[in-house]
Amino acid sequence: MGIKEAAMRFATAVENELIQIRADQMELGQRLTERVNGVANEVKALDAKVTSLDAKVTSLDTKVDEVKAEVHEVKTEMYDVKADIREFKTDVMGVLIDIQRRLPA
């Protein structure tokens, strides 16, 4: 085997190695692209879930505000009823005092 033949084998081996490196790079690039696309799809799915949850939270916030308003309204009505009861008690006490005054001792 001469120097020329050894050089040709070496050049062929280097060329084959370069071809293999390129093929490996292409395969790794393909895998990376698939992983990135998979992550992107997962992010889209998570974004859809977050959007859905955000809508539910907004709906719950609205319902909580409505309940707070109703509670405030009920409290206001309760205070009005308490005032009416106090007034009624005062009137009843007045009537009872009048009755007691009219009764013979």
N, C-alpha and C. Protein backbone atom coordinates (compact mmCIF):
# COMPACT_ATOMS: atom_id res chain seq x y z
N MET A 1 0.85 -1.15 0.00
CA MET A 1 0.00 0.00 0.00
C MET A 1 0.91 1.22 0.00
N GLY A 2 0.60 2.06 -0.95
CA GLY A 2 1.43 3.25 -1.08
C GLY A 2 0.84 4.42 -0.34
N ILE A 3 1.63 5.47 -0.38
CA ILE A 3 1.21 6.69 0.31
C ILE A 3 -0.05 7.26 -0.32
N LYS A 4 -0.16 7.15 -1.64
CA LYS A 4 -1.33 7.68 -2.34
C LYS A 4 -2.58 6.92 -1.89
N GLU A 5 -2.47 5.61 -1.82
CA GLU A 5 -3.62 4.79 -1.42
C GLU A 5 -3.98 5.06 0.04
N ALA A 6 -2.99 5.21 0.90
CA ALA A 6 -3.25 5.53 2.32
C ALA A 6 -3.91 6.89 2.45
N ALA A 7 -3.47 7.85 1.64
CA ALA A 7 -4.07 9.19 1.67
C ALA A 7 -5.51 9.14 1.20
N MET A 8 -5.78 8.32 0.20
CA MET A 8 -7.15 8.19 -0.32
C MET A 8 -8.06 7.55 0.75
N ARG A 9 -7.55 6.52 1.43
CA ARG A 9 -8.33 5.88 2.49
C ARG A 9 -8.58 6.88 3.63
N PHE A 10 -7.54 7.63 3.97
CA PHE A 10 -7.69 8.64 5.03
C PHE A 10 -8.72 9.70 4.62
N ALA A 11 -8.63 10.18 3.38
CA ALA A 11 -9.57 11.19 2.89
C ALA A 11 -10.98 10.63 2.86
N THR A 12 -11.13 9.38 2.46
CA THR A 12 -12.44 8.73 2.42
C THR A 12 -12.99 8.58 3.84
N ALA A 13 -12.12 8.19 4.76
CA ALA A 13 -12.54 8.04 6.16
C ALA A 13 -12.97 9.39 6.73
N VAL A 14 -12.19 10.45 6.44
CA VAL A 14 -12.56 11.79 6.91
C VAL A 14 -13.88 12.22 6.29
N GLU A 15 -14.05 11.98 5.01
CA GLU A 15 -15.28 12.35 4.32
C GLU A 15 -16.47 11.60 4.91
N ASN A 16 -16.30 10.29 5.14
CA ASN A 16 -17.37 9.49 5.75
C ASN A 16 -17.70 10.00 7.16
N GLU A 17 -16.66 10.34 7.90
CA GLU A 17 -16.87 10.89 9.24
C GLU A 17 -17.63 12.20 9.19
N LEU A 18 -17.29 13.07 8.23
CA LEU A 18 -18.01 14.34 8.06
C LEU A 18 -19.46 14.10 7.67
N ILE A 19 -19.69 13.14 6.79
CA ILE A 19 -21.05 12.80 6.39
C ILE A 19 -21.84 12.30 7.60
N GLN A 20 -21.19 11.44 8.40
CA GLN A 20 -21.86 10.92 9.60
C GLN A 20 -22.15 12.05 10.60
N ILE A 21 -21.21 12.97 10.76
CA ILE A 21 -21.41 14.10 11.66
C ILE A 21 -22.59 14.95 11.19
N ARG A 22 -22.64 15.20 9.89
CA ARG A 22 -23.77 15.97 9.34
C ARG A 22 -25.08 15.25 9.55
N ALA A 23 -25.10 13.95 9.32
CA ALA A 23 -26.32 13.16 9.52
C ALA A 23 -26.73 13.21 10.99
N ASP A 24 -25.75 13.09 11.89
CA ASP A 24 -26.05 13.19 13.32
C ASP A 24 -26.61 14.56 13.68
N GLN A 25 -25.99 15.60 13.08
CA GLN A 25 -26.49 16.97 13.33
C GLN A 25 -27.91 17.13 12.83
N MET A 26 -28.20 16.58 11.67
CA MET A 26 -29.55 16.68 11.11
C MET A 26 -30.55 15.94 12.01
N GLU A 27 -30.15 14.76 12.48
CA GLU A 27 -31.03 13.98 13.36
C GLU A 27 -31.26 14.72 14.67
N LEU A 28 -30.20 15.27 15.25
CA LEU A 28 -30.34 16.03 16.48
C LEU A 28 -31.20 17.27 16.27
N GLY A 29 -31.01 17.91 15.12
CA GLY A 29 -31.84 19.08 14.78
C GLY A 29 -33.31 18.70 14.68
N GLN A 30 -33.57 17.54 14.06
CA GLN A 30 -34.95 17.05 13.94
C GLN A 30 -35.54 16.75 15.32
N ARG A 31 -34.76 16.07 16.16
CA ARG A 31 -35.23 15.76 17.51
C ARG A 31 -35.52 17.04 18.29
N LEU A 32 -34.59 18.01 18.17
CA LEU A 32 -34.78 19.28 18.88
C LEU A 32 -36.03 19.99 18.39
N THR A 33 -36.25 19.97 17.08
CA THR A 33 -37.44 20.61 16.52
C THR A 33 -38.70 19.93 17.05
N GLU A 34 -38.68 18.60 17.11
CA GLU A 34 -39.84 17.87 17.62
C GLU A 34 -40.08 18.18 19.09
N ARG A 35 -39.02 18.28 19.86
CA ARG A 35 -39.17 18.60 21.28
C ARG A 35 -39.71 20.02 21.46
N VAL A 36 -39.17 20.96 20.68
CA VAL A 36 -39.64 22.34 20.76
C VAL A 36 -41.11 22.42 20.38
N ASN A 37 -41.49 21.70 19.33
CA ASN A 37 -42.89 21.70 18.91
C ASN A 37 -43.77 21.06 19.99
N GLY A 38 -43.25 20.00 20.62
CA GLY A 38 -44.01 19.37 21.71
C GLY A 38 -44.20 20.32 22.87
N VAL A 39 -43.15 21.04 23.23
CA VAL A 39 -43.25 22.02 24.31
C VAL A 39 -44.21 23.13 23.92
N ALA A 40 -44.14 23.57 22.67
CA ALA A 40 -45.05 24.62 22.21
C ALA A 40 -46.50 24.16 22.31
N ASN A 41 -46.75 22.91 21.94
CA ASN A 41 -48.12 22.38 22.04
C ASN A 41 -48.58 22.31 23.50
N GLU A 42 -47.67 21.90 24.37
CA GLU A 42 -48.01 21.85 25.79
C GLU A 42 -48.28 23.26 26.33
N VAL A 43 -47.50 24.22 25.90
CA VAL A 43 -47.71 25.62 26.33
C VAL A 43 -49.07 26.11 25.84
N LYS A 44 -49.42 25.76 24.61
CA LYS A 44 -50.74 26.16 24.09
C LYS A 44 -51.86 25.54 24.91
N ALA A 45 -51.69 24.25 25.26
CA ALA A 45 -52.71 23.58 26.07
C ALA A 45 -52.81 24.24 27.44
N LEU A 46 -51.67 24.54 28.05
CA LEU A 46 -51.67 25.20 29.35
C LEU A 46 -52.29 26.59 29.26
N ASP A 47 -52.00 27.29 28.18
CA ASP A 47 -52.57 28.63 27.98
C ASP A 47 -54.09 28.54 27.88
N ALA A 48 -54.57 27.53 27.18
CA ALA A 48 -56.03 27.35 27.07
C ALA A 48 -56.63 27.06 28.44
N LYS A 49 -55.95 26.23 29.24
CA LYS A 49 -56.44 25.93 30.58
C LYS A 49 -56.42 27.17 31.46
N VAL A 50 -55.35 27.94 31.37
CA VAL A 50 -55.25 29.17 32.17
C VAL A 50 -56.34 30.15 31.76
N THR A 51 -56.58 30.26 30.47
CA THR A 51 -57.64 31.15 29.99
C THR A 51 -58.99 30.70 30.54
N SER A 52 -59.22 29.39 30.51
CA SER A 52 -60.47 28.84 31.05
C SER A 52 -60.59 29.12 32.54
N LEU A 53 -59.51 28.88 33.27
CA LEU A 53 -59.52 29.14 34.71
C LEU A 53 -59.70 30.62 35.01
N ASP A 54 -59.09 31.46 34.19
CA ASP A 54 -59.24 32.90 34.38
C ASP A 54 -60.70 33.32 34.21
N ALA A 55 -61.35 32.73 33.21
CA ALA A 55 -62.77 33.04 33.01
C ALA A 55 -63.60 32.57 34.20
N LYS A 56 -63.26 31.39 34.73
CA LYS A 56 -64.00 30.89 35.90
C LYS A 56 -63.77 31.77 37.11
N VAL A 57 -62.53 32.22 37.31
CA VAL A 57 -62.22 33.10 38.43
C VAL A 57 -62.98 34.41 38.29
N THR A 58 -63.03 34.95 37.09
CA THR A 58 -63.78 36.18 36.85
C THR A 58 -65.25 35.97 37.18
N SER A 59 -65.79 34.82 36.76
CA SER A 59 -67.18 34.51 37.05
C SER A 59 -67.40 34.40 38.56
N LEU A 60 -66.48 33.73 39.25
CA LEU A 60 -66.59 33.61 40.70
C LEU A 60 -66.48 34.97 41.39
N ASP A 61 -65.59 35.82 40.89
CA ASP A 61 -65.47 37.16 41.45
C ASP A 61 -66.78 37.92 41.32
N THR A 62 -67.42 37.79 40.17
CA THR A 62 -68.70 38.45 39.95
C THR A 62 -69.75 37.93 40.92
N LYS A 63 -69.78 36.59 41.08
CA LYS A 63 -70.76 36.00 42.00
C LYS A 63 -70.49 36.43 43.43
N VAL A 64 -69.22 36.49 43.82
CA VAL A 64 -68.87 36.93 45.17
C VAL A 64 -69.33 38.37 45.39
N ASP A 65 -69.11 39.21 44.38
CA ASP A 65 -69.56 40.61 44.50
C ASP A 65 -71.08 40.68 44.64
N GLU A 66 -71.79 39.81 43.87
CA GLU A 66 -73.25 39.80 43.97
C GLU A 66 -73.70 39.35 45.36
N VAL A 67 -73.02 38.33 45.89
CA VAL A 67 -73.37 37.84 47.23
C VAL A 67 -73.08 38.91 48.27
N LYS A 68 -71.95 39.61 48.13
CA LYS A 68 -71.64 40.69 49.07
C LYS A 68 -72.72 41.76 49.03
N ALA A 69 -73.18 42.09 47.83
CA ALA A 69 -74.23 43.10 47.71
C ALA A 69 -75.51 42.62 48.38
N GLU A 70 -75.84 41.34 48.18
CA GLU A 70 -77.05 40.80 48.81
C GLU A 70 -76.91 40.79 50.33
N VAL A 71 -75.74 40.43 50.84
CA VAL A 71 -75.51 40.42 52.28
C VAL A 71 -75.66 41.84 52.84
N HIS A 72 -75.11 42.79 52.14
CA HIS A 72 -75.23 44.18 52.58
C HIS A 72 -76.71 44.60 52.61
N GLU A 73 -77.43 44.19 51.58
CA GLU A 73 -78.86 44.53 51.51
C GLU A 73 -79.62 43.88 52.67
N VAL A 74 -79.31 42.61 52.94
CA VAL A 74 -79.97 41.90 54.05
C VAL A 74 -79.62 42.55 55.38
N LYS A 75 -78.37 42.94 55.57
CA LYS A 75 -77.98 43.61 56.80
C LYS A 75 -78.74 44.92 56.97
N THR A 76 -78.87 45.66 55.87
CA THR A 76 -79.60 46.92 55.93
C THR A 76 -81.06 46.67 56.31
N GLU A 77 -81.65 45.66 55.69
CA GLU A 77 -83.04 45.33 56.02
C GLU A 77 -83.15 44.86 57.48
N MET A 78 -82.15 44.11 57.94
CA MET A 78 -82.15 43.63 59.31
C MET A 78 -82.10 44.81 60.29
N TYR A 79 -81.26 45.80 59.99
CA TYR A 79 -81.20 46.99 60.85
C TYR A 79 -82.53 47.72 60.86
N ASP A 80 -83.19 47.79 59.70
CA ASP A 80 -84.51 48.43 59.62
C ASP A 80 -85.52 47.66 60.47
N VAL A 81 -85.46 46.32 60.39
CA VAL A 81 -86.39 45.49 61.17
C VAL A 81 -86.12 45.68 62.66
N LYS A 82 -84.84 45.72 63.03
CA LYS A 82 -84.50 45.94 64.44
C LYS A 82 -85.03 47.29 64.93
N ALA A 83 -84.91 48.29 64.09
CA ALA A 83 -85.44 49.61 64.46
C ALA A 83 -86.95 49.54 64.61
N ASP A 84 -87.62 48.83 63.71
CA ASP A 84 -89.08 48.68 63.81
C ASP A 84 -89.46 47.93 65.09
N ILE A 85 -88.67 46.90 65.43
CA ILE A 85 -88.95 46.13 66.65
C ILE A 85 -88.77 47.01 67.88
N ARG A 86 -87.71 47.83 67.89
CA ARG A 86 -87.51 48.75 69.02
C ARG A 86 -88.70 49.70 69.15
N GLU A 87 -89.11 50.22 68.00
CA GLU A 87 -90.25 51.14 68.01
C GLU A 87 -91.50 50.43 68.51
N PHE A 88 -91.71 49.19 68.06
CA PHE A 88 -92.87 48.41 68.50
C PHE A 88 -92.80 48.15 70.00
N LYS A 89 -91.60 47.78 70.49
CA LYS A 89 -91.44 47.55 71.93
C LYS A 89 -91.76 48.80 72.73
N THR A 90 -91.31 49.94 72.22
CA THR A 90 -91.58 51.21 72.90
C THR A 90 -93.08 51.46 72.94
N ASP A 91 -93.75 51.21 71.79
CA ASP A 91 -95.20 51.40 71.75
C ASP A 91 -95.91 50.45 72.71
N VAL A 92 -95.47 49.17 72.75
CA VAL A 92 -96.08 48.18 73.63
C VAL A 92 -95.86 48.58 75.09
N MET A 93 -94.67 49.04 75.41
CA MET A 93 -94.39 49.48 76.78
C MET A 93 -95.31 50.65 77.15
N GLY A 94 -95.50 51.53 76.19
CA GLY A 94 -96.40 52.65 76.45
C GLY A 94 -97.82 52.17 76.71
N VAL A 95 -98.27 51.20 75.93
CA VAL A 95 -99.62 50.65 76.11
C VAL A 95 -99.71 49.94 77.46
N LEU A 96 -98.70 49.16 77.79
CA LEU A 96 -98.71 48.45 79.07
C LEU A 96 -98.70 49.42 80.25
N ILE A 97 -97.94 50.48 80.13
CA ILE A 97 -97.93 51.49 81.20
C ILE A 97 -99.30 52.13 81.32
N ASP A 98 -99.94 52.42 80.18
CA ASP A 98 -101.29 53.00 80.22
C ASP A 98 -102.26 52.03 80.88
N ILE A 99 -102.16 50.74 80.53
CA ILE A 99 -103.05 49.73 81.12
C ILE A 99 -102.81 49.65 82.62
N GLN A 100 -101.54 49.65 83.00
CA GLN A 100 -101.19 49.54 84.43
C GLN A 100 -101.73 50.76 85.19
N ARG A 101 -101.70 51.93 84.61
CA ARG A 101 -102.19 53.13 85.27
C ARG A 101 -103.70 53.06 85.44
N ARG A 102 -104.38 52.43 84.51
CA ARG A 102 -105.83 52.37 84.56
C ARG A 102 -106.33 51.30 85.53
N LEU A 103 -105.49 50.33 85.82
CA LEU A 103 -105.92 49.28 86.74
C LEU A 103 -105.93 49.84 88.17
N PRO A 104 -106.92 49.40 88.95
CA PRO A 104 -106.89 49.85 90.34
C PRO A 104 -105.74 49.16 91.09
N ALA A 105 -105.19 49.88 91.93
CA ALA A 105 -104.02 49.37 92.67
C ALA A 105 -104.38 48.38 93.71
